[in-house]
N, C-alpha and C. Protein backbone atom coordinates (compact mmCIF):
# COMPACT_ATOMS: atom_id res chain seq x y z
N MET A 1 -2.79 -17.78 -5.38
CA MET A 1 -3.43 -17.14 -4.61
C MET A 1 -4.96 -17.55 -4.31
N ARG A 2 -5.55 -18.24 -3.55
CA ARG A 2 -6.72 -18.66 -3.34
C ARG A 2 -7.57 -17.52 -2.75
N GLY A 3 -7.30 -17.15 -1.79
CA GLY A 3 -8.00 -15.91 -1.00
C GLY A 3 -8.72 -16.56 -0.01
N LYS A 4 -9.40 -15.82 0.94
CA LYS A 4 -10.19 -16.26 2.18
C LYS A 4 -11.84 -15.79 2.19
N THR A 5 -12.25 -16.62 2.37
CA THR A 5 -14.06 -16.32 2.55
C THR A 5 -14.00 -15.70 3.97
N TYR A 6 -15.07 -14.92 4.23
CA TYR A 6 -15.33 -14.17 5.12
C TYR A 6 -15.19 -14.77 6.23
N ASP A 7 -15.71 -16.19 6.50
CA ASP A 7 -16.13 -17.19 7.25
C ASP A 7 -14.57 -17.80 7.77
N GLU A 8 -13.52 -17.68 6.79
CA GLU A 8 -12.47 -18.23 6.93
C GLU A 8 -11.45 -17.42 7.77
N ILE A 9 -11.95 -15.78 7.45
CA ILE A 9 -10.60 -14.54 8.30
C ILE A 9 -11.07 -14.67 9.68
N GLN A 10 -10.25 -14.43 10.27
CA GLN A 10 -10.30 -14.30 11.98
C GLN A 10 -9.61 -13.00 12.10
N VAL A 11 -10.13 -12.50 13.40
CA VAL A 11 -9.34 -11.06 13.72
C VAL A 11 -7.95 -11.70 14.26
N GLY A 12 -7.01 -10.60 14.07
CA GLY A 12 -5.74 -10.96 14.28
C GLY A 12 -5.07 -11.66 13.09
N ASP A 13 -5.58 -12.13 11.93
CA ASP A 13 -4.87 -12.57 10.96
C ASP A 13 -3.94 -11.55 10.17
N LYS A 14 -2.99 -11.72 9.64
CA LYS A 14 -2.19 -10.88 9.25
C LYS A 14 -1.46 -11.28 8.24
N ALA A 15 -1.06 -10.48 7.30
CA ALA A 15 -0.31 -10.51 5.90
C ALA A 15 0.74 -9.55 5.52
N GLY A 16 1.65 -9.97 4.60
CA GLY A 16 2.38 -8.85 4.36
C GLY A 16 3.61 -9.21 2.95
N PHE A 17 4.09 -8.39 2.40
CA PHE A 17 4.95 -8.65 1.35
C PHE A 17 5.71 -7.25 1.04
N SER A 18 6.79 -7.56 0.59
CA SER A 18 7.97 -6.44 0.43
C SER A 18 7.92 -6.27 -1.16
N LYS A 19 8.59 -4.71 -1.36
CA LYS A 19 8.57 -4.26 -2.63
C LYS A 19 9.45 -3.27 -2.74
N THR A 20 10.54 -3.33 -3.49
CA THR A 20 11.72 -2.15 -3.67
C THR A 20 11.16 -1.27 -4.85
N VAL A 21 11.06 0.13 -4.28
CA VAL A 21 10.65 0.98 -5.10
C VAL A 21 11.92 1.57 -6.29
N THR A 22 11.49 1.67 -7.64
CA THR A 22 12.35 1.72 -8.44
C THR A 22 11.89 3.07 -9.29
N GLU A 23 12.81 3.75 -9.92
CA GLU A 23 12.81 4.72 -10.77
C GLU A 23 11.58 4.47 -11.93
N SER A 24 11.36 3.36 -12.39
CA SER A 24 10.29 2.87 -13.19
C SER A 24 9.05 2.81 -12.80
N ASP A 25 9.18 2.55 -11.36
CA ASP A 25 7.78 2.58 -10.65
C ASP A 25 7.14 4.13 -10.51
N ILE A 26 8.00 4.93 -10.31
CA ILE A 26 7.64 6.25 -9.93
C ILE A 26 7.31 7.03 -11.51
N HIS A 27 8.23 6.45 -12.46
CA HIS A 27 7.52 7.25 -13.70
C HIS A 27 6.26 6.45 -14.45
N SER A 28 6.40 5.22 -13.87
CA SER A 28 4.93 4.33 -14.46
C SER A 28 3.72 4.90 -13.70
N PHE A 29 3.75 5.52 -12.62
CA PHE A 29 2.70 5.65 -11.48
C PHE A 29 2.45 7.34 -11.91
N SER A 30 3.59 7.77 -12.30
CA SER A 30 3.17 9.21 -13.02
C SER A 30 2.47 9.21 -13.92
N ALA A 31 2.77 8.41 -14.91
CA ALA A 31 2.04 8.29 -16.34
C ALA A 31 0.58 7.78 -16.13
N MET A 32 0.48 6.79 -15.10
CA MET A 32 -0.83 6.35 -15.02
C MET A 32 -1.70 7.22 -14.19
N THR A 33 -1.17 8.06 -13.28
CA THR A 33 -1.98 9.04 -12.62
C THR A 33 -2.31 10.56 -12.98
N ALA A 34 -1.01 10.82 -13.95
CA ALA A 34 -0.76 12.11 -14.72
C ALA A 34 -0.21 13.14 -13.43
N ASP A 35 0.24 12.48 -12.07
CA ASP A 35 1.09 13.23 -11.17
C ASP A 35 2.50 13.33 -11.68
N PHE A 36 2.66 14.41 -12.04
CA PHE A 36 4.23 15.07 -12.79
C PHE A 36 4.92 15.71 -11.87
N ASN A 37 4.42 15.76 -10.33
CA ASN A 37 4.82 16.95 -9.79
C ASN A 37 6.63 16.61 -9.87
N PRO A 38 7.50 17.49 -10.01
CA PRO A 38 8.90 17.67 -10.22
C PRO A 38 9.46 17.20 -9.11
N ILE A 39 9.22 17.22 -7.75
CA ILE A 39 9.61 16.55 -6.42
C ILE A 39 9.78 14.97 -7.11
N HIS A 40 8.82 14.47 -7.80
CA HIS A 40 9.06 12.93 -8.10
C HIS A 40 9.70 12.62 -9.62
N VAL A 41 9.94 13.41 -10.41
CA VAL A 41 10.24 13.43 -11.55
C VAL A 41 11.37 14.01 -12.25
N ASP A 42 11.69 15.33 -11.71
CA ASP A 42 12.66 16.12 -12.04
C ASP A 42 13.90 16.15 -10.92
N GLU A 43 14.95 15.49 -10.97
CA GLU A 43 16.08 15.39 -10.09
C GLU A 43 16.77 16.73 -9.86
N VAL A 44 16.84 17.65 -10.67
CA VAL A 44 17.39 19.11 -10.49
C VAL A 44 16.27 19.89 -9.81
N TYR A 45 15.12 19.76 -10.18
CA TYR A 45 14.17 20.63 -9.23
C TYR A 45 14.26 19.85 -7.80
N ALA A 46 14.29 18.57 -7.75
CA ALA A 46 14.09 18.10 -6.33
C ALA A 46 15.44 18.60 -5.38
N ALA A 47 16.37 18.45 -6.13
CA ALA A 47 17.52 18.69 -5.34
C ALA A 47 17.98 20.11 -4.92
N THR A 48 16.99 21.10 -5.51
CA THR A 48 17.16 22.55 -5.09
C THR A 48 15.93 22.87 -4.42
N SER A 49 14.75 22.06 -4.43
CA SER A 49 13.56 22.45 -3.50
C SER A 49 13.89 22.46 -2.33
N SER A 50 13.08 23.02 -1.25
CA SER A 50 13.06 22.75 0.22
C SER A 50 13.20 21.31 0.59
N LEU A 51 12.00 20.81 0.12
CA LEU A 51 11.53 19.29 0.66
C LEU A 51 12.82 18.47 0.06
N GLY A 52 13.42 18.52 -1.26
CA GLY A 52 14.21 18.07 -1.61
C GLY A 52 15.57 17.69 -1.14
N LYS A 53 15.80 19.00 -0.44
CA LYS A 53 17.12 19.15 -0.03
C LYS A 53 17.03 18.55 1.61
N LYS A 54 15.77 18.16 1.98
CA LYS A 54 15.52 17.70 3.10
C LYS A 54 15.90 16.11 3.01
N THR A 55 15.42 15.69 2.02
CA THR A 55 14.91 14.38 1.76
C THR A 55 16.11 13.76 0.91
N GLY A 56 17.09 14.80 0.14
CA GLY A 56 18.37 14.17 -0.59
C GLY A 56 17.98 14.10 -2.17
N GLY A 57 16.87 14.71 -2.73
CA GLY A 57 16.42 14.39 -3.89
C GLY A 57 14.88 14.09 -4.07
N ARG A 58 14.65 13.53 -5.06
CA ARG A 58 13.33 12.87 -5.48
C ARG A 58 12.72 11.77 -4.58
N ILE A 59 11.49 11.99 -4.50
CA ILE A 59 10.69 11.25 -3.75
C ILE A 59 9.51 10.82 -4.44
N ALA A 60 9.24 9.44 -3.96
CA ALA A 60 7.95 8.74 -4.76
C ALA A 60 6.69 9.45 -4.09
N GLN A 61 6.00 9.16 -5.07
CA GLN A 61 4.43 9.70 -4.78
C GLN A 61 4.31 8.92 -3.39
N GLY A 62 3.16 9.53 -2.70
CA GLY A 62 2.53 9.00 -1.44
C GLY A 62 1.83 7.84 -1.75
N MET A 63 0.81 8.28 -2.90
CA MET A 63 -0.22 7.30 -3.16
C MET A 63 0.40 6.23 -3.72
N LEU A 64 1.71 6.03 -4.48
CA LEU A 64 2.25 5.03 -4.87
C LEU A 64 2.61 3.82 -3.73
N SER A 65 3.10 4.36 -2.67
CA SER A 65 3.06 3.58 -1.49
C SER A 65 1.82 3.08 -1.24
N ALA A 66 0.99 3.91 -0.65
CA ALA A 66 -0.44 3.43 -0.11
C ALA A 66 -0.78 2.51 -1.07
N SER A 67 -0.62 2.31 -2.43
CA SER A 67 -1.20 1.64 -3.30
C SER A 67 -0.84 0.13 -3.20
N LEU A 68 0.02 -0.32 -2.54
CA LEU A 68 0.80 -1.44 -2.13
C LEU A 68 -0.60 -2.08 -0.99
N PHE A 69 -1.35 -1.25 -0.24
CA PHE A 69 -2.53 -1.94 0.23
C PHE A 69 -3.50 -2.38 -0.55
N SER A 70 -3.56 -2.09 -2.08
CA SER A 70 -4.58 -2.88 -2.56
C SER A 70 -4.12 -4.14 -2.95
N THR A 71 -2.75 -4.32 -3.09
CA THR A 71 -2.26 -5.72 -3.27
C THR A 71 -2.66 -6.75 -2.10
N LEU A 72 -2.58 -6.19 -0.77
CA LEU A 72 -2.89 -6.64 0.36
C LEU A 72 -4.25 -7.21 0.08
N VAL A 73 -5.23 -6.21 0.05
CA VAL A 73 -6.55 -6.75 -0.21
C VAL A 73 -6.91 -7.64 -1.16
N GLY A 74 -6.45 -7.32 -2.37
CA GLY A 74 -6.59 -8.23 -3.53
C GLY A 74 -6.07 -9.48 -3.62
N MET A 75 -4.81 -9.53 -3.04
CA MET A 75 -3.88 -10.63 -3.20
C MET A 75 -3.92 -11.71 -1.88
N TYR A 76 -3.92 -11.14 -0.71
CA TYR A 76 -3.70 -11.58 0.48
C TYR A 76 -4.72 -11.71 1.16
N ILE A 77 -5.20 -10.53 1.97
CA ILE A 77 -6.46 -10.78 2.93
C ILE A 77 -7.47 -9.89 2.41
N PRO A 78 -8.49 -9.90 2.29
CA PRO A 78 -9.14 -11.19 1.90
C PRO A 78 -8.77 -11.96 0.71
N GLY A 79 -8.27 -11.28 -0.21
CA GLY A 79 -7.74 -11.98 -1.57
C GLY A 79 -8.69 -12.08 -2.70
N LYS A 80 -8.58 -13.37 -3.35
CA LYS A 80 -9.36 -13.32 -4.56
C LYS A 80 -10.91 -13.20 -4.30
N GLY A 81 -11.68 -12.34 -5.13
CA GLY A 81 -12.65 -11.73 -4.85
C GLY A 81 -13.34 -10.69 -3.96
N ALA A 82 -12.31 -10.44 -3.54
CA ALA A 82 -12.25 -8.91 -2.48
C ALA A 82 -12.88 -7.81 -3.09
N LEU A 83 -13.40 -6.93 -2.56
CA LEU A 83 -13.87 -5.55 -3.20
C LEU A 83 -13.35 -4.70 -1.93
N TYR A 84 -12.66 -3.64 -2.35
CA TYR A 84 -12.03 -2.64 -1.51
C TYR A 84 -13.47 -1.77 -1.16
N VAL A 85 -13.59 -1.19 0.11
CA VAL A 85 -14.39 -0.03 0.48
C VAL A 85 -14.07 1.14 0.87
N SER A 86 -13.12 1.18 1.67
CA SER A 86 -12.42 2.39 2.06
C SER A 86 -10.76 2.12 2.44
N GLN A 87 -10.25 3.23 2.55
CA GLN A 87 -8.80 3.11 2.88
C GLN A 87 -8.24 4.69 3.50
N SER A 88 -8.03 4.55 4.71
CA SER A 88 -7.27 5.89 5.26
C SER A 88 -6.09 5.83 5.18
N CYS A 89 -5.15 7.16 5.13
CA CYS A 89 -3.76 7.07 5.02
C CYS A 89 -3.19 7.99 5.63
N ASN A 90 -1.96 7.72 6.37
CA ASN A 90 -1.27 9.18 7.08
C ASN A 90 0.04 8.85 6.84
N PHE A 91 0.26 9.83 6.04
CA PHE A 91 1.83 9.41 5.27
C PHE A 91 2.92 9.96 6.29
N ARG A 92 3.73 9.55 6.55
CA ARG A 92 4.71 9.57 7.91
C ARG A 92 6.20 10.45 7.42
N ARG A 93 6.61 9.42 6.36
CA ARG A 93 7.96 9.61 5.77
C ARG A 93 8.06 9.62 4.28
N PRO A 94 8.92 10.33 3.70
CA PRO A 94 9.40 10.28 2.04
C PRO A 94 9.68 8.94 1.77
N VAL A 95 9.15 8.46 0.64
CA VAL A 95 10.01 7.05 0.23
C VAL A 95 11.00 7.73 -1.14
N LYS A 96 12.36 7.27 -1.09
CA LYS A 96 13.13 7.45 -2.00
C LYS A 96 13.24 6.01 -3.13
N ILE A 97 13.74 6.26 -4.21
CA ILE A 97 14.06 5.29 -5.21
C ILE A 97 15.09 4.47 -4.31
N GLY A 98 14.76 2.76 -4.58
CA GLY A 98 15.59 2.28 -3.83
C GLY A 98 15.21 1.72 -2.55
N ASP A 99 14.37 2.27 -1.86
CA ASP A 99 13.72 2.04 -0.64
C ASP A 99 12.82 0.68 -0.66
N THR A 100 13.21 -0.15 0.19
CA THR A 100 12.25 -1.41 0.25
C THR A 100 11.21 -1.24 0.95
N LEU A 101 10.02 -1.49 0.75
CA LEU A 101 8.63 -1.49 1.63
C LEU A 101 8.29 -2.87 2.00
N ARG A 102 7.97 -2.61 3.44
CA ARG A 102 7.25 -3.88 3.78
C ARG A 102 5.67 -3.54 4.03
N ALA A 103 4.60 -4.07 3.09
CA ALA A 103 3.18 -3.65 3.33
C ALA A 103 2.71 -4.74 4.39
N GLU A 104 2.14 -4.10 5.20
CA GLU A 104 1.59 -5.36 6.23
C GLU A 104 -0.10 -4.65 6.27
N CYS A 105 -0.70 -6.14 6.66
CA CYS A 105 -2.17 -5.34 7.32
C CYS A 105 -2.50 -6.56 8.52
N GLU A 106 -3.20 -6.34 9.36
CA GLU A 106 -3.74 -7.06 10.46
C GLU A 106 -5.45 -6.84 10.65
N VAL A 107 -6.03 -8.06 10.45
CA VAL A 107 -7.65 -7.81 10.97
C VAL A 107 -8.02 -7.44 12.32
N MET A 108 -8.61 -6.44 12.31
CA MET A 108 -8.81 -5.78 13.63
C MET A 108 -10.39 -6.12 13.91
N GLU A 109 -11.31 -6.36 12.97
CA GLU A 109 -12.61 -6.43 12.96
C GLU A 109 -13.45 -7.11 11.82
N LYS A 110 -14.26 -8.12 12.35
CA LYS A 110 -15.11 -8.64 11.25
C LYS A 110 -16.59 -7.95 11.41
N MET A 111 -16.79 -7.30 10.49
CA MET A 111 -18.17 -6.37 10.45
C MET A 111 -19.29 -7.10 9.82
N GLU A 112 -20.69 -6.53 9.95
CA GLU A 112 -21.65 -7.18 9.05
C GLU A 112 -21.53 -6.88 7.48
N LYS A 113 -22.36 -7.71 6.56
CA LYS A 113 -22.29 -7.76 5.52
C LYS A 113 -20.77 -8.10 4.66
N SER A 114 -20.36 -9.13 5.40
CA SER A 114 -19.02 -9.65 4.97
C SER A 114 -17.88 -8.64 4.90
N ARG A 115 -18.15 -7.77 5.77
CA ARG A 115 -16.65 -6.52 5.66
C ARG A 115 -15.91 -6.73 6.56
N ILE A 116 -14.64 -6.58 6.35
CA ILE A 116 -13.73 -6.74 7.37
C ILE A 116 -12.95 -5.30 7.69
N ARG A 117 -12.46 -4.96 8.46
CA ARG A 117 -11.74 -3.81 8.85
C ARG A 117 -10.19 -4.27 9.35
N MET A 118 -9.22 -3.52 8.55
CA MET A 118 -7.89 -4.05 8.87
C MET A 118 -7.07 -2.75 9.05
N PHE A 119 -5.74 -2.87 9.89
CA PHE A 119 -4.88 -1.76 10.31
C PHE A 119 -3.97 -2.13 8.98
N THR A 120 -3.60 -0.99 8.32
CA THR A 120 -2.49 -1.26 7.25
C THR A 120 -1.43 -0.15 7.50
N ARG A 121 -0.31 -0.80 6.88
CA ARG A 121 0.99 0.14 7.07
C ARG A 121 2.15 -0.19 6.00
N CYS A 122 3.03 0.42 5.65
CA CYS A 122 4.15 0.29 4.89
C CYS A 122 5.38 0.57 5.78
N ILE A 123 6.39 -0.44 6.03
CA ILE A 123 7.59 0.23 6.62
C ILE A 123 8.98 0.15 5.76
N ASN A 124 9.72 0.96 5.89
CA ASN A 124 10.77 0.96 4.91
C ASN A 124 12.07 -0.09 5.58
N GLN A 125 12.94 -0.15 4.95
CA GLN A 125 13.90 -1.15 5.35
C GLN A 125 14.62 -0.61 6.70
N ARG A 126 14.34 0.49 6.99
CA ARG A 126 15.01 1.27 8.20
C ARG A 126 14.35 0.92 9.42
N GLY A 127 13.01 0.11 9.28
CA GLY A 127 12.00 -0.03 10.16
C GLY A 127 10.91 1.12 10.54
N GLU A 128 11.03 2.18 9.48
CA GLU A 128 10.46 3.45 9.93
C GLU A 128 9.07 3.45 9.02
N ILE A 129 8.01 3.63 9.83
CA ILE A 129 6.57 3.47 9.07
C ILE A 129 6.45 4.72 8.24
N VAL A 130 6.31 4.72 6.94
CA VAL A 130 6.13 5.67 5.98
C VAL A 130 4.70 5.99 5.43
N VAL A 131 3.69 5.14 5.84
CA VAL A 131 2.09 5.40 5.69
C VAL A 131 1.44 4.28 6.62
N GLU A 132 0.49 4.72 6.95
CA GLU A 132 -0.13 3.75 7.81
C GLU A 132 -1.84 4.06 7.54
N GLY A 133 -2.90 3.08 8.05
CA GLY A 133 -4.25 3.60 7.99
C GLY A 133 -5.13 2.65 8.13
N GLU A 134 -6.26 2.63 7.79
CA GLU A 134 -7.47 1.56 8.12
C GLU A 134 -8.08 1.12 6.60
N ALA A 135 -7.91 -0.03 6.59
CA ALA A 135 -8.85 -0.53 5.25
C ALA A 135 -10.06 -1.04 5.74
N VAL A 136 -11.22 -1.18 4.80
CA VAL A 136 -12.08 -1.62 4.87
C VAL A 136 -12.61 -2.30 3.34
N ALA A 137 -12.68 -3.85 3.75
CA ALA A 137 -12.90 -4.51 2.32
C ALA A 137 -13.98 -5.57 2.67
N ILE A 138 -14.61 -5.82 1.73
CA ILE A 138 -15.58 -6.85 1.50
C ILE A 138 -15.03 -8.27 1.02
N ALA A 139 -15.23 -9.24 1.99
CA ALA A 139 -14.69 -10.77 1.66
C ALA A 139 -15.54 -11.44 0.86
N ALA A 140 -15.24 -12.23 -0.21
CA ALA A 140 -15.97 -13.32 -0.85
C ALA A 140 -16.74 -14.01 0.03
N LYS A 141 -18.04 -14.44 -0.13
CA LYS A 141 -18.66 -15.50 0.43
C LYS A 141 -17.97 -16.89 0.20
N TYR A 142 -17.87 -16.68 -1.22
CA TYR A 142 -17.11 -18.44 -1.59
C TYR A 142 -16.21 -17.86 -2.45
N VAL A 143 -14.90 -18.52 -2.26
CA VAL A 143 -14.01 -18.37 -3.30
C VAL A 143 -13.36 -19.63 -4.05
N GLU A 144 -13.67 -19.84 -5.29
CA GLU A 144 -13.29 -20.74 -6.09
C GLU A 144 -11.58 -21.13 -5.82
N ASP A 145 -11.57 -22.60 -6.05
CA ASP A 145 -10.22 -22.63 -5.94
C ASP A 145 -9.73 -22.43 -7.12
N THR A 146 -8.19 -21.79 -7.05
CA THR A 146 -7.37 -21.42 -8.57
C THR A 146 -6.79 -22.92 -8.92
N VAL A 147 -6.80 -22.96 -10.34
CA VAL A 147 -6.49 -24.27 -10.90
C VAL A 147 -4.75 -24.08 -11.03
């Protein structure tokens, strides 16, 4: 992945990738963030909770889904050398183990100081938006080619 410099990025540029959420992802995210809410890690609790009854059991952490936006910024647009400035998130639907998410971004604006504003969203395999928002990132002024 080479990345794009600020000058190479255009309004309307898009990127995306897919990821299937696994039980291991949920446990790893819990370990990394210390978010051991039983709705994420305890099937018995989740099956009997009011939310779990609606969703059919455990759900992934909302921020696990939103963390895919970091991959878009760091690996796609702008990519190598980018710095994240901000991210808003509106969580729309729960994510279950086995759901395949498509993380997408689209450049909405080129701002001053090499900053770009992007629309971001994750869509599940049923075409439902699970999280969406806006990101601001600083694009590199120069990106070295990857060997």
